[in-house]
Amino acid sequence: MNKLALSLLIMSALPALAGVQVRDADTIVVDGTPVRLNGVDAPELGTKAGQDAKRWMANYLRGKEVRCDLNGERSYDRYIGICYADGVDIGAAVIAAGYALDCARYSGGRYREFETPAAKARLSRAKYC
């Protein structure tokens, strides 16, 4: 499959995330474009774990330059892609911090090594992963 590489670049400013909004730990909005982080399985917002993960993501992105490489696919209203904050893969960061799990079906296992034992014990992996 031919992958379409679209890039979004935005500099977020303190204290607000100007141009970057966090819907949850696996969906961010960059300059008005919703982006689903490819291969990241984060808890739903209706749970305490989901609220904690969203809070972590907002704090993590604050003041960082965010760039997303989109693959041309969509999920609902969101584009799918891998995003970077100051050059660091955001998916790897949220998983390494223990707030999400790897979704191997979509990541190809790219993030498996970043999963923490505590997160694997505490979080439920989505059935589609």
N, C-alpha and C. Protein backbone atom coordinates (compact mmCIF):
# COMPACT_ATOMS: atom_id res chain seq x y z
N MET A 1 0.84 -1.18 0.00
CA MET A 1 0.00 0.00 0.00
C MET A 1 0.88 1.24 0.00
N ASN A 2 0.51 2.18 -0.82
CA ASN A 2 1.24 3.43 -0.90
C ASN A 2 0.84 4.34 0.25
N LYS A 3 1.79 4.73 1.07
CA LYS A 3 1.49 5.57 2.23
C LYS A 3 1.67 7.04 1.87
N LEU A 4 0.66 7.80 2.23
CA LEU A 4 0.69 9.23 2.00
C LEU A 4 1.33 9.87 3.22
N ALA A 5 2.40 10.58 3.04
CA ALA A 5 3.11 11.21 4.17
C ALA A 5 2.78 12.69 4.19
N LEU A 6 1.88 13.03 5.07
CA LEU A 6 1.52 14.43 5.28
C LEU A 6 2.15 14.86 6.58
N SER A 7 2.64 16.03 6.66
CA SER A 7 3.25 16.50 7.91
C SER A 7 2.52 17.72 8.43
N LEU A 8 2.36 17.73 9.73
CA LEU A 8 1.81 18.88 10.41
C LEU A 8 2.87 19.38 11.37
N LEU A 9 3.07 20.66 11.40
CA LEU A 9 4.07 21.22 12.30
C LEU A 9 3.45 22.38 13.04
N ILE A 10 3.54 22.32 14.35
CA ILE A 10 3.01 23.42 15.15
C ILE A 10 3.86 23.57 16.40
N MET A 11 4.09 24.79 16.81
CA MET A 11 4.83 25.04 18.06
C MET A 11 3.79 25.38 19.11
N SER A 12 3.77 24.63 20.19
CA SER A 12 2.82 24.94 21.26
C SER A 12 3.46 25.94 22.22
N ALA A 13 2.63 26.77 22.80
CA ALA A 13 3.11 27.83 23.68
C ALA A 13 2.62 27.61 25.10
N LEU A 14 3.38 28.06 26.05
CA LEU A 14 2.98 27.98 27.45
C LEU A 14 2.08 29.16 27.77
N PRO A 15 1.13 29.04 28.68
CA PRO A 15 0.77 27.83 29.40
C PRO A 15 -0.22 26.98 28.63
N ALA A 16 -0.91 27.57 27.65
CA ALA A 16 -1.88 26.80 26.87
C ALA A 16 -1.18 26.04 25.76
N LEU A 17 -1.82 24.98 25.30
CA LEU A 17 -1.28 24.23 24.17
C LEU A 17 -1.82 24.86 22.90
N ALA A 18 -1.35 26.04 22.57
CA ALA A 18 -1.82 26.75 21.38
C ALA A 18 -1.56 25.90 20.15
N GLY A 19 -2.63 25.55 19.44
CA GLY A 19 -2.49 24.75 18.23
C GLY A 19 -2.47 23.26 18.48
N VAL A 20 -2.28 22.81 19.73
CA VAL A 20 -2.30 21.39 20.06
C VAL A 20 -3.31 21.19 21.19
N GLN A 21 -4.28 20.31 20.93
CA GLN A 21 -5.26 19.96 21.96
C GLN A 21 -5.20 18.45 22.16
N VAL A 22 -5.50 18.02 23.36
CA VAL A 22 -5.49 16.61 23.69
C VAL A 22 -6.92 16.14 23.90
N ARG A 23 -7.38 15.22 23.05
CA ARG A 23 -8.71 14.63 23.24
C ARG A 23 -8.61 13.53 24.30
N ASP A 24 -7.61 12.68 24.13
CA ASP A 24 -7.30 11.62 25.09
C ASP A 24 -5.86 11.20 24.82
N ALA A 25 -5.42 10.12 25.43
CA ALA A 25 -4.00 9.78 25.32
C ALA A 25 -3.62 9.16 23.99
N ASP A 26 -4.59 8.87 23.12
CA ASP A 26 -4.21 8.38 21.79
C ASP A 26 -4.78 9.23 20.66
N THR A 27 -5.33 10.38 20.98
CA THR A 27 -5.82 11.31 19.95
C THR A 27 -5.48 12.73 20.35
N ILE A 28 -4.76 13.42 19.46
CA ILE A 28 -4.46 14.83 19.67
C ILE A 28 -4.97 15.60 18.46
N VAL A 29 -5.16 16.89 18.63
CA VAL A 29 -5.58 17.75 17.53
C VAL A 29 -4.45 18.74 17.31
N VAL A 30 -3.87 18.69 16.12
CA VAL A 30 -2.73 19.54 15.79
C VAL A 30 -3.19 20.56 14.74
N ASP A 31 -3.18 21.82 15.15
CA ASP A 31 -3.58 22.91 14.27
C ASP A 31 -4.93 22.62 13.59
N GLY A 32 -5.88 22.09 14.39
CA GLY A 32 -7.22 21.82 13.90
C GLY A 32 -7.42 20.46 13.26
N THR A 33 -6.35 19.68 13.10
CA THR A 33 -6.44 18.37 12.48
C THR A 33 -6.37 17.27 13.54
N PRO A 34 -7.45 16.49 13.72
CA PRO A 34 -7.43 15.39 14.69
C PRO A 34 -6.53 14.26 14.19
N VAL A 35 -5.65 13.77 15.08
CA VAL A 35 -4.72 12.71 14.71
C VAL A 35 -4.80 11.58 15.73
N ARG A 36 -5.10 10.39 15.24
CA ARG A 36 -5.10 9.18 16.07
C ARG A 36 -3.69 8.62 16.04
N LEU A 37 -3.07 8.46 17.23
CA LEU A 37 -1.70 7.95 17.29
C LEU A 37 -1.69 6.48 16.91
N ASN A 38 -1.07 6.18 15.79
CA ASN A 38 -1.05 4.82 15.24
C ASN A 38 -0.38 3.84 16.19
N GLY A 39 -1.10 2.76 16.53
CA GLY A 39 -0.52 1.70 17.33
C GLY A 39 -0.52 1.93 18.82
N VAL A 40 -1.23 2.97 19.30
CA VAL A 40 -1.29 3.27 20.73
C VAL A 40 -2.68 2.89 21.25
N ASP A 41 -2.71 2.10 22.30
CA ASP A 41 -3.95 1.67 22.94
C ASP A 41 -4.02 2.32 24.32
N ALA A 42 -4.76 3.42 24.41
CA ALA A 42 -4.89 4.15 25.68
C ALA A 42 -6.27 3.89 26.27
N PRO A 43 -6.39 3.99 27.60
CA PRO A 43 -7.70 3.77 28.23
C PRO A 43 -8.71 4.85 27.85
N GLU A 44 -9.98 4.48 27.92
CA GLU A 44 -11.06 5.39 27.55
C GLU A 44 -11.21 6.50 28.58
N LEU A 45 -11.67 7.66 28.11
CA LEU A 45 -11.81 8.83 28.98
C LEU A 45 -12.80 8.63 30.12
N GLY A 46 -13.73 7.72 29.98
CA GLY A 46 -14.71 7.46 31.02
C GLY A 46 -14.15 6.74 32.24
N THR A 47 -12.86 6.44 32.22
CA THR A 47 -12.22 5.75 33.33
C THR A 47 -11.22 6.68 34.01
N LYS A 48 -10.89 6.38 35.26
CA LYS A 48 -9.86 7.16 35.96
C LYS A 48 -8.53 7.06 35.22
N ALA A 49 -8.21 5.85 34.74
CA ALA A 49 -6.96 5.66 33.99
C ALA A 49 -6.94 6.52 32.74
N GLY A 50 -8.09 6.65 32.07
CA GLY A 50 -8.18 7.48 30.88
C GLY A 50 -8.00 8.95 31.18
N GLN A 51 -8.57 9.42 32.28
CA GLN A 51 -8.40 10.81 32.69
C GLN A 51 -6.95 11.09 33.08
N ASP A 52 -6.33 10.14 33.80
CA ASP A 52 -4.92 10.29 34.18
C ASP A 52 -4.03 10.34 32.95
N ALA A 53 -4.34 9.48 31.96
CA ALA A 53 -3.54 9.43 30.74
C ALA A 53 -3.68 10.73 29.94
N LYS A 54 -4.89 11.26 29.86
CA LYS A 54 -5.10 12.53 29.16
C LYS A 54 -4.32 13.65 29.84
N ARG A 55 -4.36 13.70 31.17
CA ARG A 55 -3.64 14.72 31.92
C ARG A 55 -2.13 14.61 31.67
N TRP A 56 -1.63 13.38 31.68
CA TRP A 56 -0.20 13.16 31.42
C TRP A 56 0.15 13.69 30.02
N MET A 57 -0.68 13.36 29.03
CA MET A 57 -0.40 13.77 27.65
C MET A 57 -0.38 15.29 27.53
N ALA A 58 -1.35 15.97 28.13
CA ALA A 58 -1.39 17.44 28.06
C ALA A 58 -0.13 18.03 28.68
N ASN A 59 0.28 17.52 29.82
CA ASN A 59 1.49 18.01 30.47
C ASN A 59 2.73 17.70 29.64
N TYR A 60 2.77 16.53 29.05
CA TYR A 60 3.93 16.12 28.25
C TYR A 60 4.10 17.01 27.02
N LEU A 61 3.01 17.36 26.38
CA LEU A 61 3.10 18.14 25.13
C LEU A 61 3.31 19.64 25.36
N ARG A 62 3.02 20.11 26.55
CA ARG A 62 3.11 21.55 26.83
C ARG A 62 4.51 22.08 26.51
N GLY A 63 4.56 23.10 25.66
CA GLY A 63 5.81 23.76 25.33
C GLY A 63 6.66 23.04 24.30
N LYS A 64 6.16 21.95 23.74
CA LYS A 64 6.94 21.19 22.77
C LYS A 64 6.46 21.43 21.34
N GLU A 65 7.37 21.28 20.41
CA GLU A 65 7.03 21.32 19.00
C GLU A 65 6.48 19.95 18.61
N VAL A 66 5.28 19.93 18.02
CA VAL A 66 4.64 18.67 17.65
C VAL A 66 4.56 18.57 16.14
N ARG A 67 5.01 17.43 15.62
CA ARG A 67 4.98 17.13 14.19
C ARG A 67 4.39 15.75 14.00
N CYS A 68 3.49 15.60 13.04
CA CYS A 68 2.86 14.31 12.78
C CYS A 68 3.09 13.89 11.34
N ASP A 69 3.45 12.62 11.17
CA ASP A 69 3.55 12.02 9.85
C ASP A 69 2.33 11.13 9.67
N LEU A 70 1.42 11.55 8.79
CA LEU A 70 0.17 10.84 8.59
C LEU A 70 0.32 9.81 7.49
N ASN A 71 -0.38 8.67 7.64
CA ASN A 71 -0.24 7.60 6.65
C ASN A 71 -1.32 7.60 5.58
N GLY A 72 -2.24 8.57 5.62
CA GLY A 72 -3.28 8.67 4.60
C GLY A 72 -4.56 7.96 4.98
N GLU A 73 -4.55 7.18 6.07
CA GLU A 73 -5.74 6.48 6.51
C GLU A 73 -6.51 7.34 7.50
N ARG A 74 -7.79 7.00 7.70
CA ARG A 74 -8.62 7.73 8.65
C ARG A 74 -9.38 6.75 9.52
N SER A 75 -9.69 7.20 10.73
CA SER A 75 -10.55 6.48 11.66
C SER A 75 -11.54 7.50 12.19
N TYR A 76 -12.79 7.35 11.78
CA TYR A 76 -13.82 8.33 12.10
C TYR A 76 -13.37 9.70 11.58
N ASP A 77 -13.29 10.71 12.44
CA ASP A 77 -12.91 12.05 11.97
C ASP A 77 -11.41 12.28 12.05
N ARG A 78 -10.65 11.25 12.44
CA ARG A 78 -9.22 11.44 12.72
C ARG A 78 -8.35 10.86 11.61
N TYR A 79 -7.25 11.55 11.34
CA TYR A 79 -6.22 11.00 10.48
C TYR A 79 -5.35 10.09 11.36
N ILE A 80 -4.71 9.11 10.75
CA ILE A 80 -3.86 8.18 11.49
C ILE A 80 -2.41 8.55 11.23
N GLY A 81 -1.60 8.55 12.29
CA GLY A 81 -0.20 8.87 12.08
C GLY A 81 0.66 8.68 13.31
N ILE A 82 1.92 8.92 13.12
CA ILE A 82 2.90 8.90 14.20
C ILE A 82 3.30 10.35 14.43
N CYS A 83 3.20 10.77 15.69
CA CYS A 83 3.50 12.16 16.03
C CYS A 83 4.73 12.22 16.92
N TYR A 84 5.42 13.33 16.81
CA TYR A 84 6.66 13.55 17.55
C TYR A 84 6.58 14.87 18.30
N ALA A 85 7.05 14.86 19.54
CA ALA A 85 7.15 16.07 20.35
C ALA A 85 8.63 16.34 20.57
N ASP A 86 9.10 17.44 20.02
CA ASP A 86 10.53 17.75 20.05
C ASP A 86 11.37 16.58 19.55
N GLY A 87 10.86 15.89 18.53
CA GLY A 87 11.58 14.79 17.90
C GLY A 87 11.40 13.43 18.54
N VAL A 88 10.68 13.36 19.66
CA VAL A 88 10.46 12.09 20.37
C VAL A 88 9.08 11.54 20.00
N ASP A 89 9.02 10.27 19.63
CA ASP A 89 7.77 9.60 19.28
C ASP A 89 6.81 9.67 20.48
N ILE A 90 5.69 10.34 20.30
CA ILE A 90 4.72 10.52 21.39
C ILE A 90 4.13 9.19 21.82
N GLY A 91 3.87 8.29 20.88
CA GLY A 91 3.34 6.97 21.21
C GLY A 91 4.28 6.20 22.12
N ALA A 92 5.56 6.21 21.80
CA ALA A 92 6.55 5.53 22.64
C ALA A 92 6.60 6.16 24.02
N ALA A 93 6.49 7.49 24.07
CA ALA A 93 6.58 8.20 25.35
C ALA A 93 5.40 7.88 26.26
N VAL A 94 4.18 7.89 25.74
CA VAL A 94 3.01 7.63 26.57
C VAL A 94 2.99 6.17 27.04
N ILE A 95 3.46 5.27 26.22
CA ILE A 95 3.53 3.86 26.61
C ILE A 95 4.63 3.64 27.64
N ALA A 96 5.80 4.23 27.42
CA ALA A 96 6.91 4.09 28.37
C ALA A 96 6.57 4.71 29.73
N ALA A 97 5.71 5.73 29.73
CA ALA A 97 5.30 6.37 30.98
C ALA A 97 4.24 5.54 31.71
N GLY A 98 3.74 4.49 31.08
CA GLY A 98 2.79 3.60 31.74
C GLY A 98 1.33 3.99 31.59
N TYR A 99 1.01 4.88 30.64
CA TYR A 99 -0.36 5.34 30.48
C TYR A 99 -1.08 4.72 29.29
N ALA A 100 -0.42 3.86 28.55
CA ALA A 100 -1.03 3.21 27.38
C ALA A 100 -0.26 1.92 27.08
N LEU A 101 -0.81 1.14 26.16
CA LEU A 101 -0.19 -0.11 25.73
C LEU A 101 0.02 -0.08 24.22
N ASP A 102 0.85 -0.98 23.75
CA ASP A 102 1.08 -1.17 22.32
C ASP A 102 -0.14 -1.86 21.71
N CYS A 103 -0.57 -1.40 20.57
CA CYS A 103 -1.63 -2.07 19.80
C CYS A 103 -0.95 -2.69 18.59
N ALA A 104 -0.45 -3.91 18.78
CA ALA A 104 0.40 -4.57 17.78
C ALA A 104 -0.28 -4.73 16.43
N ARG A 105 -1.59 -4.87 16.42
CA ARG A 105 -2.32 -5.02 15.14
C ARG A 105 -2.03 -3.84 14.22
N TYR A 106 -1.87 -2.66 14.79
CA TYR A 106 -1.62 -1.46 13.99
C TYR A 106 -0.18 -0.98 14.04
N SER A 107 0.53 -1.28 15.12
CA SER A 107 1.91 -0.80 15.24
C SER A 107 2.91 -1.80 14.69
N GLY A 108 2.47 -3.05 14.50
CA GLY A 108 3.41 -4.09 14.09
C GLY A 108 4.35 -4.45 15.25
N GLY A 109 3.97 -4.08 16.47
CA GLY A 109 4.80 -4.36 17.64
C GLY A 109 5.87 -3.32 17.92
N ARG A 110 5.79 -2.21 17.20
CA ARG A 110 6.80 -1.14 17.32
C ARG A 110 6.96 -0.64 18.75
N TYR A 111 5.89 -0.67 19.55
CA TYR A 111 5.94 -0.11 20.90
C TYR A 111 5.99 -1.15 22.01
N ARG A 112 6.00 -2.42 21.65
CA ARG A 112 5.95 -3.48 22.66
C ARG A 112 7.06 -3.33 23.71
N GLU A 113 8.25 -3.01 23.28
CA GLU A 113 9.39 -2.91 24.21
C GLU A 113 9.23 -1.77 25.23
N PHE A 114 8.32 -0.83 24.96
CA PHE A 114 8.12 0.30 25.86
C PHE A 114 7.05 0.05 26.93
N GLU A 115 6.30 -1.03 26.78
CA GLU A 115 5.26 -1.33 27.76
C GLU A 115 5.88 -1.61 29.12
N THR A 116 5.25 -1.06 30.16
CA THR A 116 5.74 -1.30 31.52
C THR A 116 4.96 -2.47 32.13
N PRO A 117 5.61 -3.23 33.02
CA PRO A 117 4.89 -4.31 33.70
C PRO A 117 3.66 -3.80 34.46
N ALA A 118 3.79 -2.63 35.10
CA ALA A 118 2.67 -2.07 35.86
C ALA A 118 1.49 -1.75 34.93
N ALA A 119 1.76 -1.17 33.77
CA ALA A 119 0.70 -0.83 32.82
C ALA A 119 0.05 -2.10 32.28
N LYS A 120 0.84 -3.12 32.00
CA LYS A 120 0.28 -4.38 31.48
C LYS A 120 -0.64 -5.02 32.52
N ALA A 121 -0.32 -4.86 33.80
CA ALA A 121 -1.14 -5.43 34.86
C ALA A 121 -2.39 -4.58 35.13
N ARG A 122 -2.30 -3.28 34.94
CA ARG A 122 -3.37 -2.35 35.31
C ARG A 122 -4.34 -2.04 34.18
N LEU A 123 -3.85 -1.96 32.95
CA LEU A 123 -4.68 -1.55 31.81
C LEU A 123 -5.16 -2.75 31.02
N SER A 124 -6.37 -2.64 30.49
CA SER A 124 -6.92 -3.69 29.61
C SER A 124 -6.59 -3.34 28.17
N ARG A 125 -6.09 -4.33 27.45
CA ARG A 125 -5.78 -4.11 26.03
C ARG A 125 -7.09 -4.21 25.23
N ALA A 126 -7.30 -3.30 24.31
CA ALA A 126 -8.50 -3.31 23.49
C ALA A 126 -8.56 -4.62 22.67
N LYS A 127 -9.75 -5.14 22.49
CA LYS A 127 -9.93 -6.41 21.76
C LYS A 127 -9.42 -6.32 20.33
N TYR A 128 -9.53 -5.14 19.72
CA TYR A 128 -9.12 -5.00 18.33
C TYR A 128 -7.60 -4.98 18.16
N CYS A 129 -6.86 -4.89 19.26
CA CYS A 129 -5.40 -4.86 19.17
C CYS A 129 -4.84 -6.27 19.05
